[in-house]
Amino acid sequence: MHLHIAFSSDDNYIQHLGVAIISLLENNKGFDQITIHILDNGISPAGKSTLRSLTASYGRAIIFHELQELLQGLKAYGIPDTISIASYSRLFLPVLLDASVDRVIYADCDAVFEASLEELYAMDMASHTVAAVEDHVGLSNKTNIGISEQARYINAGFLMLDLEKMRAADAVSVMTAFIRKHDGKVQHHDQGVINGVFADDILILHPKYNAMTSFWEFRTVRDIEQYYGASPYYPDALIQEAREQPVFVHFTPCFSNRPWYSNSSHPLKDRYLYYKSLSPWKDAPLQKDQRSLKFRMLDMIFKAVGPRYYKMLFK
């Protein structure tokens, strides 16, 4: 089986990209072939050389896809200057990848892989174009992009895409038209676009395929639902399975600082540090906490009182 997987990065995130790639390759040795597609948002020649050497050491392939010209056209759609145009790069996978590639996994690089993707990649997507893990968002996040409150809203940090179906439906044109329709101000940006366009065409995956920081921050699903004002989420048993046996650990921003910061309290920070120790960045120092004093204090209060009382104090 030939795995095609895509990441998006620039030079600022290249260490995390490298760590994610190492964790992927360490845990997916059963694939006959792996081709890693990098949506290049400004990686230096030296950075590309490092990533090529890293991937070659595992006997795998890597391809860099230039995006600048492709993304420039989005600026005319009214996307605010405060938003990185590069964040929309995953929308163009159907046209960036060769027509012979009929399926791809897209993964954010602020993450590590802890198990094989073979079972997922061989999964029958049936009539669905997108497969992903549901996110916990308030109802307004759905209605603001024109989908119903009952729709399942996904986190776009880990996606499996049927590129063949996307090309047949000219999905890139449909997605860019969606951005234009909303004058470039789509809530949650590219994630909102994917949810808005594919609302009725999404296969919901087990949460182990995108184990977000909130899975550890909140003790129960009820706490998640109440804190975010979210519609019914996964059963507690599935979230517990995702905690115990995650496939993809996604270090999403929450109250625990991310594992590349020296004061991180994420319970799986050591997994990031382990894969970092195997990387060319093994000697890179951890970063200092860049959050303001206000946010660090809020973090401490959240951990002290729990989500329910925290929300009562600060709603």
C-alpha atoms as a PDB file:
ATOM      1  CA  MET A   1       0.000   0.000   0.000  1.00  0.00           C
ATOM      2  CA  HIS A   2       1.260   3.472  -0.929  1.00  0.00           C
ATOM      3  CA  LEU A   3       0.543   6.197   1.653  1.00  0.00           C
ATOM      4  CA  HIS A   4       0.316   9.775   0.420  1.00  0.00           C
ATOM      5  CA  ILE A   5       0.384  12.292   3.274  1.00  0.00           C
ATOM      6  CA  ALA A   6       0.610  16.080   3.194  1.00  0.00           C
ATOM      7  CA  PHE A   7       1.837  18.706   5.645  1.00  0.00           C
ATOM      8  CA  SER A   8       1.967  22.488   5.383  1.00  0.00           C
ATOM      9  CA  SER A   9       4.802  24.526   6.884  1.00  0.00           C
ATOM     10  CA  ASP A  10       7.219  27.412   6.653  1.00  0.00           C
ATOM     11  CA  ASP A  11      10.665  27.852   8.198  1.00  0.00           C
ATOM     12  CA  ASN A  12       9.214  28.956  11.534  1.00  0.00           C
ATOM     13  CA  TYR A  13       7.613  25.532  12.070  1.00  0.00           C
ATOM     14  CA  ILE A  14      10.209  23.350  10.391  1.00  0.00           C
ATOM     15  CA  GLN A  15      11.355  21.728  13.655  1.00  0.00           C
ATOM     16  CA  HIS A  16       7.792  20.649  14.453  1.00  0.00           C
ATOM     17  CA  LEU A  17       7.328  19.451  10.879  1.00  0.00           C
ATOM     18  CA  GLY A  18      10.487  17.361  11.181  1.00  0.00           C
ATOM     19  CA  VAL A  19       9.366  15.887  14.500  1.00  0.00           C
ATOM     20  CA  ALA A  20       5.943  15.027  13.029  1.00  0.00           C
ATOM     21  CA  ILE A  21       7.601  13.347  10.024  1.00  0.00           C
ATOM     22  CA  ILE A  22       9.894  11.267  12.232  1.00  0.00           C
ATOM     23  CA  SER A  23       6.956  10.110  14.369  1.00  0.00           C
ATOM     24  CA  LEU A  24       5.050   9.226  11.192  1.00  0.00           C
ATOM     25  CA  LEU A  25       7.902   7.199   9.720  1.00  0.00           C
ATOM     26  CA  GLU A  26       8.756   5.457  12.989  1.00  0.00           C
ATOM     27  CA  ASN A  27       5.196   4.201  13.362  1.00  0.00           C
ATOM     28  CA  ASN A  28       4.319   3.382   9.747  1.00  0.00           C
ATOM     29  CA  LYS A  29       7.000   0.973   8.604  1.00  0.00           C
ATOM     30  CA  GLY A  30       4.388  -1.457   7.260  1.00  0.00           C
ATOM     31  CA  PHE A  31       3.536   0.646   4.206  1.00  0.00           C
ATOM     32  CA  ASP A  32       5.177  -0.470   0.958  1.00  0.00           C
ATOM     33  CA  GLN A  33       5.675   3.166  -0.012  1.00  0.00           C
ATOM     34  CA  ILE A  34       5.211   6.545   1.654  1.00  0.00           C
ATOM     35  CA  THR A  35       5.293   9.837  -0.209  1.00  0.00           C
ATOM     36  CA  ILE A  36       5.307  12.960   1.937  1.00  0.00           C
ATOM     37  CA  HIS A  37       3.929  16.072   0.257  1.00  0.00           C
ATOM     38  CA  ILE A  38       5.045  19.386   1.744  1.00  0.00           C
ATOM     39  CA  LEU A  39       2.873  22.414   1.020  1.00  0.00           C
ATOM     40  CA  ASP A  40       5.765  24.857   1.017  1.00  0.00           C
ATOM     41  CA  ASN A  41       4.926  28.222   2.544  1.00  0.00           C
ATOM     42  CA  GLY A  42       8.484  29.488   2.592  1.00  0.00           C
ATOM     43  CA  ILE A  43      10.915  26.753   3.635  1.00  0.00           C
ATOM     44  CA  SER A  44      14.548  27.687   3.059  1.00  0.00           C
ATOM     45  CA  PRO A  45      16.822  25.625   0.774  1.00  0.00           C
ATOM     46  CA  ALA A  46      18.737  24.478   3.874  1.00  0.00           C
ATOM     47  CA  GLY A  47      15.485  23.401   5.526  1.00  0.00           C
ATOM     48  CA  LYS A  48      14.437  21.454   2.455  1.00  0.00           C
ATOM     49  CA  SER A  49      17.810  19.744   2.310  1.00  0.00           C
ATOM     50  CA  THR A  50      17.472  18.677   5.957  1.00  0.00           C
ATOM     51  CA  LEU A  51      13.994  17.267   5.360  1.00  0.00           C
ATOM     52  CA  ARG A  52      15.120  15.418   2.226  1.00  0.00           C
ATOM     53  CA  SER A  53      17.995  13.785   4.123  1.00  0.00           C
ATOM     54  CA  LEU A  54      15.701  12.892   7.003  1.00  0.00           C
ATOM     55  CA  THR A  55      13.103  11.266   4.750  1.00  0.00           C
ATOM     56  CA  ALA A  56      15.745   9.455   2.672  1.00  0.00           C
ATOM     57  CA  SER A  57      17.215   7.928   5.838  1.00  0.00           C
ATOM     58  CA  TYR A  58      13.920   6.015   6.177  1.00  0.00           C
ATOM     59  CA  GLY A  59      13.857   5.103   2.482  1.00  0.00           C
ATOM     60  CA  ARG A  60      10.802   7.275   1.821  1.00  0.00           C
ATOM     61  CA  ALA A  61       9.998  10.015  -0.706  1.00  0.00           C
ATOM     62  CA  ILE A  62       9.310  13.711  -0.172  1.00  0.00           C
ATOM     63  CA  ILE A  63       7.941  16.277  -2.643  1.00  0.00           C
ATOM     64  CA  PHE A  64       7.771  20.044  -2.098  1.00  0.00           C
ATOM     65  CA  HIS A  65       4.851  21.919  -3.667  1.00  0.00           C
ATOM     66  CA  GLU A  66       5.308  25.651  -4.211  1.00  0.00           C
ATOM     67  CA  LEU A  67       2.225  27.672  -3.253  1.00  0.00           C
ATOM     68  CA  GLN A  68       2.936  31.354  -3.538  1.00  0.00           C
ATOM     69  CA  GLU A  69       1.483  31.920  -7.004  1.00  0.00           C
ATOM     70  CA  LEU A  70      -1.520  29.709  -6.314  1.00  0.00           C
ATOM     71  CA  LEU A  71      -2.382  31.452  -3.050  1.00  0.00           C
ATOM     72  CA  GLN A  72      -1.961  34.994  -4.339  1.00  0.00           C
ATOM     73  CA  GLY A  73      -5.349  34.809  -6.042  1.00  0.00           C
ATOM     74  CA  LEU A  74      -7.084  34.403  -2.688  1.00  0.00           C
ATOM     75  CA  LYS A  75      -6.070  37.908  -1.621  1.00  0.00           C
ATOM     76  CA  ALA A  76      -8.625  39.355  -4.012  1.00  0.00           C
ATOM     77  CA  TYR A  77     -11.398  37.571  -2.079  1.00  0.00           C
ATOM     78  CA  GLY A  78     -11.144  39.895   0.926  1.00  0.00           C
ATOM     79  CA  ILE A  79      -9.239  37.656   3.349  1.00  0.00           C
ATOM     80  CA  PRO A  80      -8.001  39.981   6.147  1.00  0.00           C
ATOM     81  CA  ASP A  81      -4.293  40.801   6.240  1.00  0.00           C
ATOM     82  CA  THR A  82      -4.186  39.467   9.818  1.00  0.00           C
ATOM     83  CA  ILE A  83      -4.849  35.936   8.484  1.00  0.00           C
ATOM     84  CA  SER A  84      -2.046  33.934   6.909  1.00  0.00           C
ATOM     85  CA  ILE A  85      -3.040  33.087   3.355  1.00  0.00           C
ATOM     86  CA  ALA A  86      -0.854  29.993   3.723  1.00  0.00           C
ATOM     87  CA  SER A  87      -3.387  28.474   6.111  1.00  0.00           C
ATOM     88  CA  TYR A  88      -5.634  27.897   3.083  1.00  0.00           C
ATOM     89  CA  SER A  89      -3.065  25.727   1.306  1.00  0.00           C
ATOM     90  CA  ARG A  90      -4.729  22.385   2.135  1.00  0.00           C
ATOM     91  CA  LEU A  91      -7.750  23.428   0.051  1.00  0.00           C
ATOM     92  CA  PHE A  92      -5.633  23.050  -3.097  1.00  0.00           C
ATOM     93  CA  LEU A  93      -4.491  19.451  -2.605  1.00  0.00           C
ATOM     94  CA  PRO A  94      -6.713  18.156  -5.475  1.00  0.00           C
ATOM     95  CA  VAL A  95      -4.821  20.315  -7.987  1.00  0.00           C
ATOM     96  CA  LEU A  96      -1.369  20.230  -6.361  1.00  0.00           C
ATOM     97  CA  LEU A  97      -1.034  16.449  -6.280  1.00  0.00           C
ATOM     98  CA  ASP A  98      -0.685  14.381  -9.413  1.00  0.00           C
ATOM     99  CA  ALA A  99      -3.925  13.048 -10.898  1.00  0.00           C
ATOM    100  CA  SER A 100      -2.728   9.509 -10.179  1.00  0.00           C
ATOM    101  CA  VAL A 101      -3.045  10.180  -6.415  1.00  0.00           C
ATOM    102  CA  ASP A 102      -6.650   9.389  -5.555  1.00  0.00           C
ATOM    103  CA  ARG A 103      -6.455   9.633  -1.749  1.00  0.00           C
ATOM    104  CA  VAL A 104      -4.367  11.693   0.670  1.00  0.00           C
ATOM    105  CA  ILE A 105      -4.132  12.316   4.392  1.00  0.00           C
ATOM    106  CA  TYR A 106      -3.514  15.912   5.429  1.00  0.00           C
ATOM    107  CA  ALA A 107      -2.041  16.481   8.910  1.00  0.00           C
ATOM    108  CA  ASP A 108      -1.083  19.597  10.839  1.00  0.00           C
ATOM    109  CA  CYS A 109       2.548  19.510  11.933  1.00  0.00           C
ATOM    110  CA  ASP A 110       1.969  20.569  15.574  1.00  0.00           C
ATOM    111  CA  ALA A 111       1.469  16.896  16.346  1.00  0.00           C
ATOM    112  CA  VAL A 112       2.998  13.445  16.600  1.00  0.00           C
ATOM    113  CA  PHE A 113       1.885  10.066  15.287  1.00  0.00           C
ATOM    114  CA  GLU A 114       1.744   7.256  17.835  1.00  0.00           C
ATOM    115  CA  ALA A 115       0.420   4.357  15.736  1.00  0.00           C
ATOM    116  CA  SER A 116       0.045   3.102  12.185  1.00  0.00           C
ATOM    117  CA  LEU A 117      -2.289   4.689   9.633  1.00  0.00           C
ATOM    118  CA  GLU A 118      -2.698   1.458   7.656  1.00  0.00           C
ATOM    119  CA  GLU A 119      -6.164   0.586   8.950  1.00  0.00           C
ATOM    120  CA  LEU A 120      -7.432   4.109   8.313  1.00  0.00           C
ATOM    121  CA  TYR A 121      -5.876   4.450   4.860  1.00  0.00           C
ATOM    122  CA  ALA A 122      -7.449   1.184   3.729  1.00  0.00           C
ATOM    123  CA  MET A 123     -10.866   2.236   5.048  1.00  0.00           C
ATOM    124  CA  ASP A 124     -13.810   2.343   2.651  1.00  0.00           C
ATOM    125  CA  MET A 125     -14.989   5.956   2.649  1.00  0.00           C
ATOM    126  CA  ALA A 126     -18.212   4.839   0.939  1.00  0.00           C
ATOM    127  CA  SER A 127     -19.875   7.898  -0.547  1.00  0.00           C
ATOM    128  CA  HIS A 128     -17.958  10.431   1.543  1.00  0.00           C
ATOM    129  CA  THR A 129     -15.368  12.880   0.256  1.00  0.00           C
ATOM    130  CA  VAL A 130     -13.849  13.902   3.601  1.00  0.00           C
ATOM    131  CA  ALA A 131     -13.092  11.848   6.727  1.00  0.00           C
ATOM    132  CA  ALA A 132     -12.126  13.596   9.970  1.00  0.00           C
ATOM    133  CA  VAL A 133     -12.649  13.871  13.728  1.00  0.00           C
ATOM    134  CA  GLU A 134     -15.480  15.992  15.062  1.00  0.00           C
ATOM    135  CA  ASP A 135     -14.517  19.234  16.793  1.00  0.00           C
ATOM    136  CA  HIS A 136     -16.236  20.702  19.855  1.00  0.00           C
ATOM    137  CA  VAL A 137     -17.503  24.121  18.828  1.00  0.00           C
ATOM    138  CA  GLY A 138     -20.425  26.308  19.815  1.00  0.00           C
ATOM    139  CA  LEU A 139     -23.512  26.332  17.641  1.00  0.00           C
ATOM    140  CA  SER A 140     -22.747  29.805  16.265  1.00  0.00           C
ATOM    141  CA  ASN A 141     -19.625  28.384  14.596  1.00  0.00           C
ATOM    142  CA  LYS A 142     -21.959  26.275  12.483  1.00  0.00           C
ATOM    143  CA  THR A 143     -24.665  28.810  11.714  1.00  0.00           C
ATOM    144  CA  ASN A 144     -22.063  31.459  10.817  1.00  0.00           C
ATOM    145  CA  ILE A 145     -20.937  29.326   7.865  1.00  0.00           C
ATOM    146  CA  GLY A 146     -24.467  28.393   6.830  1.00  0.00           C
ATOM    147  CA  ILE A 147     -24.731  24.835   8.128  1.00  0.00           C
ATOM    148  CA  SER A 148     -27.367  23.505  10.498  1.00  0.00           C
ATOM    149  CA  GLU A 149     -26.929  23.246  14.262  1.00  0.00           C
ATOM    150  CA  GLN A 150     -27.294  19.462  13.906  1.00  0.00           C
ATOM    151  CA  ALA A 151     -24.398  19.175  11.426  1.00  0.00           C
ATOM    152  CA  ARG A 152     -21.184  17.503  12.596  1.00  0.00           C
ATOM    153  CA  TYR A 153     -18.380  20.064  12.555  1.00  0.00           C
ATOM    154  CA  ILE A 154     -14.855  18.680  12.080  1.00  0.00           C
ATOM    155  CA  ASN A 155     -11.354  19.733  13.047  1.00  0.00           C
ATOM    156  CA  ALA A 156      -9.336  20.170   9.841  1.00  0.00           C
ATOM    157  CA  GLY A 157      -5.988  19.395  11.482  1.00  0.00           C
ATOM    158  CA  PHE A 158      -6.282  15.785  10.310  1.00  0.00           C
ATOM    159  CA  LEU A 159      -8.190  14.937   7.134  1.00  0.00           C
ATOM    160  CA  MET A 160      -8.467  12.013   4.773  1.00  0.00           C
ATOM    161  CA  LEU A 161      -9.562  13.259   1.358  1.00  0.00           C
ATOM    162  CA  ASP A 162     -10.935  11.420  -1.646  1.00  0.00           C
ATOM    163  CA  LEU A 163      -9.094  13.443  -4.286  1.00  0.00           C
ATOM    164  CA  GLU A 164     -10.737  11.604  -7.168  1.00  0.00           C
ATOM    165  CA  LYS A 165     -14.180  12.738  -6.044  1.00  0.00           C
ATOM    166  CA  MET A 166     -12.951  16.233  -5.275  1.00  0.00           C
ATOM    167  CA  ARG A 167     -11.548  16.615  -8.786  1.00  0.00           C
ATOM    168  CA  ALA A 168     -14.737  15.274 -10.363  1.00  0.00           C
ATOM    169  CA  ALA A 169     -16.762  17.861  -8.411  1.00  0.00           C
ATOM    170  CA  ASP A 170     -14.282  20.693  -9.139  1.00  0.00           C
ATOM    171  CA  ALA A 171     -14.075  21.125  -5.378  1.00  0.00           C
ATOM    172  CA  VAL A 172     -11.321  23.755  -5.508  1.00  0.00           C
ATOM    173  CA  SER A 173     -13.586  26.090  -7.479  1.00  0.00           C
ATOM    174  CA  VAL A 174     -16.463  25.375  -5.098  1.00  0.00           C
ATOM    175  CA  MET A 175     -14.303  26.134  -2.049  1.00  0.00           C
ATOM    176  CA  THR A 176     -12.890  29.358  -3.469  1.00  0.00           C
ATOM    177  CA  ALA A 177     -16.425  30.443  -4.426  1.00  0.00           C
ATOM    178  CA  PHE A 178     -17.433  29.819  -0.792  1.00  0.00           C
ATOM    179  CA  ILE A 179     -14.629  32.153   0.358  1.00  0.00           C
ATOM    180  CA  ARG A 180     -15.744  34.799  -2.131  1.00  0.00           C
ATOM    181  CA  LYS A 181     -19.388  34.444  -1.020  1.00  0.00           C
ATOM    182  CA  HIS A 182     -18.333  35.231   2.559  1.00  0.00           C
ATOM    183  CA  ASP A 183     -16.134  38.162   1.464  1.00  0.00           C
ATOM    184  CA  GLY A 184     -13.048  36.329   2.704  1.00  0.00           C
ATOM    185  CA  LYS A 185     -14.280  36.362   6.308  1.00  0.00           C
ATOM    186  CA  VAL A 186     -15.081  32.698   6.931  1.00  0.00           C
ATOM    187  CA  GLN A 187     -15.165  31.765  10.596  1.00  0.00           C
ATOM    188  CA  HIS A 188     -12.220  29.445  11.389  1.00  0.00           C
ATOM    189  CA  HIS A 189     -10.907  30.278   7.899  1.00  0.00           C
ATOM    190  CA  ASP A 190      -9.957  27.182   5.847  1.00  0.00           C
ATOM    191  CA  GLN A 191     -11.521  24.877   8.454  1.00  0.00           C
ATOM    192  CA  GLY A 192     -14.788  26.786   8.113  1.00  0.00           C
ATOM    193  CA  VAL A 193     -14.568  26.458   4.335  1.00  0.00           C
ATOM    194  CA  ILE A 194     -14.189  22.675   4.514  1.00  0.00           C
ATOM    195  CA  ASN A 195     -17.076  22.356   6.951  1.00  0.00           C
ATOM    196  CA  GLY A 196     -19.279  24.704   4.962  1.00  0.00           C
ATOM    197  CA  VAL A 197     -18.688  23.028   1.610  1.00  0.00           C
ATOM    198  CA  PHE A 198     -18.674  19.375   2.724  1.00  0.00           C
ATOM    199  CA  ALA A 199     -21.182  19.524   5.588  1.00  0.00           C
ATOM    200  CA  ASP A 200     -23.264  16.657   4.177  1.00  0.00           C
ATOM    201  CA  ASP A 201     -20.321  14.663   2.848  1.00  0.00           C
ATOM    202  CA  ILE A 202     -18.141  13.983   5.905  1.00  0.00           C
ATOM    203  CA  LEU A 203     -17.294  10.634   7.465  1.00  0.00           C
ATOM    204  CA  ILE A 204     -16.745  11.066  11.208  1.00  0.00           C
ATOM    205  CA  LEU A 205     -13.690   9.182  12.486  1.00  0.00           C
ATOM    206  CA  HIS A 206     -12.820   7.750  15.881  1.00  0.00           C
ATOM    207  CA  PRO A 207     -11.304  10.568  17.999  1.00  0.00           C
ATOM    208  CA  LYS A 208      -8.023   8.631  18.275  1.00  0.00           C
ATOM    209  CA  TYR A 209      -7.237   9.998  14.804  1.00  0.00           C
ATOM    210  CA  ASN A 210      -7.091  13.555  16.134  1.00  0.00           C
ATOM    211  CA  ALA A 211      -6.584  13.456  19.904  1.00  0.00           C
ATOM    212  CA  MET A 212      -6.752  17.142  20.798  1.00  0.00           C
ATOM    213  CA  THR A 213      -5.400  18.785  23.951  1.00  0.00           C
ATOM    214  CA  SER A 214      -8.915  19.270  25.322  1.00  0.00           C
ATOM    215  CA  PHE A 215      -9.276  15.488  25.655  1.00  0.00           C
ATOM    216  CA  TRP A 216      -6.844  15.715  28.567  1.00  0.00           C
ATOM    217  CA  GLU A 217      -7.843  19.155  29.868  1.00  0.00           C
ATOM    218  CA  PHE A 218     -11.460  18.142  30.498  1.00  0.00           C
ATOM    219  CA  ARG A 219     -12.358  15.117  32.598  1.00  0.00           C
ATOM    220  CA  THR A 220     -15.658  14.274  30.885  1.00  0.00           C
ATOM    221  CA  VAL A 221     -17.394  14.913  27.587  1.00  0.00           C
ATOM    222  CA  ARG A 222     -20.094  16.738  29.530  1.00  0.00           C
ATOM    223  CA  ASP A 223     -17.436  19.216  30.700  1.00  0.00           C
ATOM    224  CA  ILE A 224     -16.391  19.766  27.060  1.00  0.00           C
ATOM    225  CA  GLU A 225     -19.970  20.278  25.908  1.00  0.00           C
ATOM    226  CA  GLN A 226     -20.768  22.720  28.705  1.00  0.00           C
ATOM    227  CA  TYR A 227     -17.561  24.714  28.405  1.00  0.00           C
ATOM    228  CA  TYR A 228     -17.725  25.209  24.641  1.00  0.00           C
ATOM    229  CA  GLY A 229     -21.512  25.292  24.355  1.00  0.00           C
ATOM    230  CA  ALA A 230     -21.138  22.392  21.954  1.00  0.00           C
ATOM    231  CA  SER A 231     -23.775  20.010  20.665  1.00  0.00           C
ATOM    232  CA  PRO A 232     -23.584  16.353  21.817  1.00  0.00           C
ATOM    233  CA  TYR A 233     -20.045  15.115  21.306  1.00  0.00           C
ATOM    234  CA  TYR A 234     -18.394  11.679  21.339  1.00  0.00           C
ATOM    235  CA  PRO A 235     -19.252   9.221  24.145  1.00  0.00           C
ATOM    236  CA  ASP A 236     -16.870   9.298  27.114  1.00  0.00           C
ATOM    237  CA  ALA A 237     -15.688   5.769  26.277  1.00  0.00           C
ATOM    238  CA  LEU A 238     -14.376   6.836  22.856  1.00  0.00           C
ATOM    239  CA  ILE A 239     -12.564   9.862  24.266  1.00  0.00           C
ATOM    240  CA  GLN A 240     -10.979   7.591  26.872  1.00  0.00           C
ATOM    241  CA  GLU A 241      -9.834   5.236  24.096  1.00  0.00           C
ATOM    242  CA  ALA A 242      -8.337   8.211  22.273  1.00  0.00           C
ATOM    243  CA  ARG A 243      -6.428   9.215  25.419  1.00  0.00           C
ATOM    244  CA  GLU A 244      -5.114   5.717  26.001  1.00  0.00           C
ATOM    245  CA  GLN A 245      -4.321   4.703  22.414  1.00  0.00           C
ATOM    246  CA  PRO A 246      -4.061   7.795  20.210  1.00  0.00           C
ATOM    247  CA  VAL A 247      -2.983   7.454  16.607  1.00  0.00           C
ATOM    248  CA  PHE A 248      -2.466  11.188  16.036  1.00  0.00           C
ATOM    249  CA  VAL A 249      -1.791  13.476  19.018  1.00  0.00           C
ATOM    250  CA  HIS A 250      -2.642  17.028  18.010  1.00  0.00           C
ATOM    251  CA  PHE A 251      -1.126  19.657  20.313  1.00  0.00           C
ATOM    252  CA  THR A 252      -3.960  22.134  19.808  1.00  0.00           C
ATOM    253  CA  PRO A 253      -3.858  25.356  21.837  1.00  0.00           C
ATOM    254  CA  CYS A 254      -5.742  25.016  25.096  1.00  0.00           C
ATOM    255  CA  PHE A 255      -4.760  25.662  28.700  1.00  0.00           C
ATOM    256  CA  SER A 256      -1.710  23.387  28.700  1.00  0.00           C
ATOM    257  CA  ASN A 257       1.190  25.022  26.916  1.00  0.00           C
ATOM    258  CA  ARG A 258       2.545  23.146  23.919  1.00  0.00           C
ATOM    259  CA  PRO A 259       5.386  20.639  24.416  1.00  0.00           C
ATOM    260  CA  TRP A 260       8.130  22.688  22.792  1.00  0.00           C
ATOM    261  CA  TYR A 261       7.823  25.232  25.625  1.00  0.00           C
ATOM    262  CA  SER A 262       9.924  24.689  28.731  1.00  0.00           C
ATOM    263  CA  ASN A 263       6.954  24.958  31.105  1.00  0.00           C
ATOM    264  CA  SER A 264       4.561  22.749  29.132  1.00  0.00           C
ATOM    265  CA  SER A 265       2.148  20.726  31.260  1.00  0.00           C
ATOM    266  CA  HIS A 266       0.733  18.675  28.413  1.00  0.00           C
ATOM    267  CA  PRO A 267       0.602  15.053  29.648  1.00  0.00           C
ATOM    268  CA  LEU A 268       2.100  13.754  26.385  1.00  0.00           C
ATOM    269  CA  LYS A 269       4.874  16.333  26.070  1.00  0.00           C
ATOM    270  CA  ASP A 270       7.446  13.557  26.540  1.00  0.00           C
ATOM    271  CA  ARG A 271       6.260  11.907  23.320  1.00  0.00           C
ATOM    272  CA  TYR A 272       7.088  15.079  21.379  1.00  0.00           C
ATOM    273  CA  LEU A 273      10.445  15.297  23.166  1.00  0.00           C
ATOM    274  CA  TYR A 274      11.198  11.653  22.353  1.00  0.00           C
ATOM    275  CA  TYR A 275      10.724  12.156  18.601  1.00  0.00           C
ATOM    276  CA  LYS A 276      12.618  15.455  18.831  1.00  0.00           C
ATOM    277  CA  SER A 277      15.545  13.487  20.314  1.00  0.00           C
ATOM    278  CA  LEU A 278      15.648  11.435  17.086  1.00  0.00           C
ATOM    279  CA  SER A 279      15.676  14.540  14.901  1.00  0.00           C
ATOM    280  CA  PRO A 280      18.273  16.994  13.571  1.00  0.00           C
ATOM    281  CA  TRP A 281      16.792  19.448  16.100  1.00  0.00           C
ATOM    282  CA  LYS A 282      17.556  17.240  19.111  1.00  0.00           C
ATOM    283  CA  ASP A 283      19.824  19.887  20.672  1.00  0.00           C
ATOM    284  CA  ALA A 284      17.491  22.830  20.005  1.00  0.00           C
ATOM    285  CA  PRO A 285      16.523  24.408  23.338  1.00  0.00           C
ATOM    286  CA  LEU A 286      12.903  24.510  24.447  1.00  0.00           C
ATOM    287  CA  GLN A 287      11.226  27.880  24.022  1.00  0.00           C
ATOM    288  CA  LYS A 288      10.240  30.202  26.834  1.00  0.00           C
ATOM    289  CA  ASP A 289       6.540  30.717  27.491  1.00  0.00           C
ATOM    290  CA  GLN A 290       5.483  33.618  25.254  1.00  0.00           C
ATOM    291  CA  ARG A 291       1.991  33.986  26.654  1.00  0.00           C
ATOM    292  CA  SER A 292       1.097  37.151  28.530  1.00  0.00           C
ATOM    293  CA  LEU A 293       0.935  37.122  32.331  1.00  0.00           C
ATOM    294  CA  LYS A 294      -2.845  37.311  32.039  1.00  0.00           C
ATOM    295  CA  PHE A 295      -3.087  34.071  30.068  1.00  0.00           C
ATOM    296  CA  ARG A 296      -0.621  32.266  32.311  1.00  0.00           C
ATOM    297  CA  MET A 297      -2.722  33.241  35.322  1.00  0.00           C
ATOM    298  CA  LEU A 298      -5.905  32.066  33.598  1.00  0.00           C
ATOM    299  CA  ASP A 299      -4.178  28.755  32.922  1.00  0.00           C
ATOM    300  CA  MET A 300      -3.365  28.378  36.624  1.00  0.00           C
ATOM    301  CA  ILE A 301      -6.912  29.256  37.664  1.00  0.00           C
ATOM    302  CA  PHE A 302      -8.402  26.768  35.192  1.00  0.00           C
ATOM    303  CA  LYS A 303      -6.246  23.981  36.572  1.00  0.00           C
ATOM    304  CA  ALA A 304      -7.097  24.947  40.151  1.00  0.00           C
ATOM    305  CA  VAL A 305     -10.897  25.214  39.894  1.00  0.00           C
ATOM    306  CA  GLY A 306     -11.809  23.088  36.852  1.00  0.00           C
ATOM    307  CA  PRO A 307     -13.806  23.992  33.729  1.00  0.00           C
ATOM    308  CA  ARG A 308     -17.232  24.435  35.316  1.00  0.00           C
ATOM    309  CA  TYR A 309     -16.218  27.000  37.937  1.00  0.00           C
ATOM    310  CA  TYR A 310     -13.758  28.631  35.557  1.00  0.00           C
ATOM    311  CA  LYS A 311     -16.552  29.321  33.094  1.00  0.00           C
ATOM    312  CA  MET A 312     -18.783  30.653  35.874  1.00  0.00           C
ATOM    313  CA  LEU A 313     -16.007  33.056  36.911  1.00  0.00           C
ATOM    314  CA  PHE A 314     -15.103  34.293  33.433  1.00  0.00           C
ATOM    315  CA  LYS A 315     -18.122  33.802  31.173  1.00  0.00           C
END
